[in-house]
Protein backbone atom coordinates (compact mmCIF):
# COMPACT_ATOMS: atom_id res chain seq x y z
CA MET A 1 -25.17 26.86 -119.29
CA SER A 2 -25.04 25.45 -122.79
CA ILE A 3 -25.08 27.26 -126.15
CA ILE A 4 -26.54 25.94 -129.38
CA VAL A 5 -27.03 27.40 -132.84
CA VAL A 6 -29.61 25.92 -135.18
CA GLY A 7 -30.08 27.16 -138.71
CA LEU A 8 -29.71 26.95 -142.45
CA ASN A 9 -27.98 29.16 -144.99
CA HIS A 10 -27.17 29.65 -148.66
CA LYS A 11 -24.81 26.68 -148.58
CA SER A 12 -27.16 24.20 -146.94
CA ALA A 13 -30.58 25.09 -148.37
CA PRO A 14 -32.12 26.49 -151.58
CA ILE A 15 -33.83 29.85 -151.42
CA GLU A 16 -37.34 28.36 -151.51
CA VAL A 17 -36.59 26.51 -148.25
CA ARG A 18 -34.91 29.50 -146.60
CA GLU A 19 -37.94 31.64 -147.42
CA LYS A 20 -40.22 29.26 -145.50
CA LEU A 21 -38.25 29.90 -142.30
CA ALA A 22 -37.57 33.60 -142.79
CA PHE A 23 -38.71 36.08 -140.14
CA ASN A 24 -39.83 39.66 -140.71
CA PRO A 25 -39.34 42.29 -137.97
CA ASN A 26 -42.78 41.70 -136.47
CA SER A 27 -42.58 37.92 -136.50
CA ILE A 28 -39.12 37.97 -134.91
CA ASN A 29 -40.48 39.87 -131.91
CA THR A 30 -43.34 37.40 -131.60
CA ALA A 31 -41.03 34.40 -131.91
CA LEU A 32 -38.61 35.76 -129.32
CA SER A 33 -41.44 36.28 -126.86
CA LEU A 34 -43.02 32.87 -127.46
CA PHE A 35 -39.72 31.01 -127.19
CA SER A 36 -38.71 32.82 -124.01
CA GLN A 37 -42.07 32.05 -122.41
CA LYS A 38 -42.03 28.40 -123.49
CA TYR A 39 -38.56 27.75 -122.09
CA GLN A 40 -38.61 30.11 -119.14
CA ASP A 41 -37.92 27.28 -116.69
CA GLN A 42 -34.75 26.41 -118.62
CA ASN A 43 -33.43 29.99 -118.29
CA ALA A 44 -33.52 30.24 -122.07
CA GLU A 45 -31.87 33.08 -123.96
CA ILE A 46 -32.35 33.49 -127.70
CA VAL A 47 -31.24 35.64 -130.65
CA ILE A 48 -32.77 35.13 -134.10
CA LEU A 49 -30.70 36.11 -137.14
CA SER A 50 -32.79 36.19 -140.33
CA THR A 51 -31.33 37.49 -143.61
CA CYS A 52 -31.83 36.63 -147.26
CA ASN A 53 -28.99 34.11 -147.00
CA ARG A 54 -29.51 32.55 -143.58
CA VAL A 55 -31.89 31.89 -140.70
CA GLU A 56 -30.15 31.02 -137.43
CA LEU A 57 -31.31 30.75 -133.83
CA TYR A 58 -28.66 31.19 -131.14
CA ILE A 59 -29.84 29.76 -127.84
CA SER A 60 -28.47 29.41 -124.35
CA SER A 61 -30.14 27.10 -121.84
CA GLN A 62 -29.42 25.58 -118.47
CA ASP A 63 -27.49 22.30 -118.69
CA GLY A 64 -28.25 21.99 -122.40
CA ALA A 65 -31.94 21.47 -121.72
CA ILE A 66 -32.93 22.78 -125.16
CA LYS A 67 -31.93 20.43 -127.97
CA ALA A 68 -31.80 20.96 -131.72
CA GLU A 69 -34.94 18.86 -132.10
CA ASP A 70 -36.81 21.26 -129.79
CA VAL A 71 -35.83 24.17 -132.02
CA PHE A 72 -36.89 22.28 -135.16
CA SER A 73 -40.32 21.69 -133.62
CA PHE A 74 -40.61 25.32 -132.56
CA LEU A 75 -39.83 26.50 -136.09
CA ALA A 76 -42.32 24.08 -137.63
CA ASP A 77 -45.08 25.17 -135.23
CA PHE A 78 -44.32 28.87 -135.55
CA HIS A 79 -44.21 28.92 -139.34
CA LYS A 80 -46.97 26.30 -139.65
CA ILE A 81 -44.99 24.06 -141.97
CA GLU A 82 -44.10 20.38 -141.94
CA LEU A 83 -40.86 19.50 -140.19
CA ASN A 84 -39.60 17.39 -143.09
CA THR A 85 -39.80 20.34 -145.50
CA PHE A 86 -36.77 21.97 -143.88
CA SER A 87 -35.11 19.61 -141.36
CA PRO A 88 -32.84 17.89 -143.96
CA TYR A 89 -31.26 21.27 -144.72
CA MET A 90 -30.61 22.30 -141.12
CA TYR A 91 -27.32 22.33 -139.23
CA HIS A 92 -26.69 22.70 -135.53
CA TYR A 93 -23.60 23.29 -133.42
CA ASN A 94 -23.09 23.11 -129.68
CA ASP A 95 -20.99 25.13 -127.25
CA ASP A 96 -17.49 25.83 -128.66
CA ARG A 97 -18.56 25.08 -132.24
CA ALA A 98 -21.60 27.33 -131.82
CA VAL A 99 -19.42 30.16 -130.54
CA ASN A 100 -16.93 29.71 -133.38
CA HIS A 101 -19.77 29.73 -135.90
CA LEU A 102 -21.12 33.05 -134.59
CA PHE A 103 -17.67 34.64 -134.84
CA PHE A 104 -17.27 33.35 -138.41
CA VAL A 105 -20.72 34.62 -139.41
CA THR A 106 -20.28 38.05 -137.83
CA SER A 107 -16.85 38.47 -139.41
CA SER A 108 -18.35 37.64 -142.86
CA LEU A 109 -16.13 34.57 -143.18
CA ASP A 110 -19.24 32.43 -143.72
CA SER A 111 -20.91 34.83 -146.17
CA MET A 112 -21.73 34.22 -149.82
CA VAL A 113 -19.33 37.07 -150.60
CA LEU A 114 -16.27 36.91 -148.36
CA GLY A 115 -15.73 40.21 -146.59
CA GLU A 116 -19.18 41.66 -147.26
CA SER A 117 -19.95 44.32 -144.69
CA GLN A 118 -23.72 44.02 -144.39
CA ILE A 119 -23.68 40.96 -142.13
CA LEU A 120 -22.11 42.94 -139.27
CA SER A 121 -25.06 45.34 -139.10
CA GLN A 122 -27.50 42.43 -139.51
CA VAL A 123 -26.04 40.55 -136.54
CA LYS A 124 -26.02 43.75 -134.49
CA GLU A 125 -29.68 44.39 -135.34
CA ALA A 126 -30.64 40.79 -134.47
CA TYR A 127 -28.90 41.05 -131.11
CA THR A 128 -30.35 44.50 -130.35
CA THR A 129 -33.86 43.28 -131.17
CA ALA A 130 -33.49 40.29 -128.85
CA ALA A 131 -32.06 42.42 -126.06
CA MET A 132 -34.91 44.93 -126.34
CA GLU A 133 -37.38 42.04 -126.10
CA GLU A 134 -35.52 40.90 -122.97
CA ALA A 135 -34.85 37.57 -124.69
CA THR A 136 -31.13 37.67 -123.88
CA GLY A 137 -29.28 37.44 -120.62
CA LYS A 138 -25.74 37.28 -119.28
CA ILE A 139 -24.57 34.50 -121.61
CA LEU A 140 -25.74 35.75 -125.00
CA ASN A 141 -25.15 39.40 -124.09
CA GLN A 142 -21.49 38.69 -123.46
CA LEU A 143 -21.16 36.36 -126.46
CA PHE A 144 -22.68 38.73 -129.01
CA GLN A 145 -20.84 41.77 -127.70
CA GLN A 146 -17.55 39.90 -128.04
CA ALA A 147 -18.45 38.63 -131.52
CA LEU A 148 -19.38 42.12 -132.71
CA ASN A 149 -16.20 43.63 -131.28
CA ALA A 150 -14.08 40.94 -132.93
CA ALA A 151 -15.86 41.42 -136.26
CA LYS A 152 -15.14 45.15 -136.21
CA ILE A 153 -11.44 44.35 -135.89
CA VAL A 154 -11.61 41.80 -138.71
CA HIS A 155 -13.35 44.27 -141.02
CA THR A 156 -10.55 46.79 -140.51
CA ARG A 157 -7.96 44.31 -141.79
CA PRO A 158 -6.74 45.21 -145.29
CA SER A 159 -7.46 41.70 -146.60
CA ILE A 160 -11.11 41.85 -145.52
CA GLY A 161 -12.24 45.43 -145.13
CA LYS A 162 -10.28 47.19 -147.86
CA ARG A 163 -13.53 48.05 -149.61
CA ASN A 164 -17.22 48.05 -148.83
CA VAL A 165 -18.28 44.73 -150.33
CA SER A 166 -21.81 43.36 -150.52
CA ILE A 167 -23.68 40.91 -152.71
CA SER A 168 -25.38 43.83 -154.46
CA SER A 169 -22.08 45.58 -155.24
CA VAL A 170 -20.65 42.35 -156.65
CA ALA A 171 -23.78 41.93 -158.81
CA VAL A 172 -23.31 45.44 -160.22
CA GLU A 173 -19.63 44.77 -160.94
CA PHE A 174 -20.61 41.60 -162.80
CA ALA A 175 -23.26 43.47 -164.82
CA GLU A 176 -20.71 46.16 -165.72
CA LYS A 177 -18.48 43.51 -167.28
CA ILE A 178 -21.37 42.60 -169.59
CA PHE A 179 -22.85 46.04 -170.38
CA GLN A 180 -19.77 48.27 -169.83
CA ASP A 181 -21.99 51.12 -168.54
CA PHE A 182 -25.65 51.70 -167.67
CA THR A 183 -26.17 55.01 -169.47
CA GLY A 184 -29.48 55.00 -171.35
CA LYS A 185 -30.37 51.50 -170.16
CA ILE A 186 -33.54 50.44 -168.33
CA VAL A 187 -32.77 48.38 -165.24
CA ILE A 188 -35.39 45.96 -163.89
CA VAL A 189 -34.99 45.04 -160.22
CA VAL A 190 -37.14 42.24 -158.80
CA GLY A 191 -38.01 42.79 -155.14
CA ALA A 192 -38.21 45.68 -152.70
CA GLY A 193 -36.16 44.62 -149.69
CA GLU A 194 -32.96 45.94 -148.15
CA MET A 195 -30.77 44.12 -150.68
CA CYS A 196 -32.71 45.67 -153.55
CA GLU A 197 -32.32 49.13 -152.03
CA LEU A 198 -28.55 48.62 -151.90
CA LEU A 199 -28.59 47.34 -155.47
CA LEU A 200 -30.44 50.44 -156.68
CA LYS A 201 -27.97 52.66 -154.82
CA HIS A 202 -24.97 50.96 -156.47
CA LEU A 203 -26.62 51.10 -159.90
CA TYR A 204 -27.35 54.82 -159.51
CA GLU A 205 -23.76 55.47 -158.49
CA GLU A 206 -22.66 53.75 -161.70
CA GLY A 207 -24.86 55.89 -163.92
CA ALA A 208 -28.18 54.06 -164.16
CA ARG A 209 -31.16 56.43 -164.08
CA THR A 210 -34.18 54.46 -165.32
CA PHE A 211 -35.49 51.71 -163.05
CA ILE A 212 -38.44 49.35 -162.95
CA VAL A 213 -38.95 47.77 -159.53
């Protein structure tokens, strides 16, 4: 069996490109099912990780039957976009490099904010979703369970997990340096996703009470 990861992230692609490949909960289930059916003869296993900062597909197949180009084509067909709109921004790793990449991602060592804790739950959710769709098997089950266990250890290290860090908490800290405090101020938050919910929580904890979303 061979393992490959294909994706893009905040370092390789601008947000307007990442948005074109993003999956919502419903589309992830559909994509998992379609991919598994298409590559059933290759004993394909797949996990799709889609966050605001990255879209990555982790795939296991027999004898490396599924190549990066196959995944590019699948993404283009699924999202109904031209291949050349995103392919220059993509990266792909095979076998040992793919495994190392997953461990780095899950441990937040590849995150925009080093040590942010949200990625661990995002990887866990991506794996759980794929497992519930029966899109994983022996290879990816073992790989993701090991990556998640390793990440939990990493996040308990004082240098990484000494505080609950996220992009939203860093944004609030930066804003505090400018405004000192949020008392009596109106805060405008653009968006309504999970990151925005965390941002509102951090702002409220720091004294903000008036929001426009």
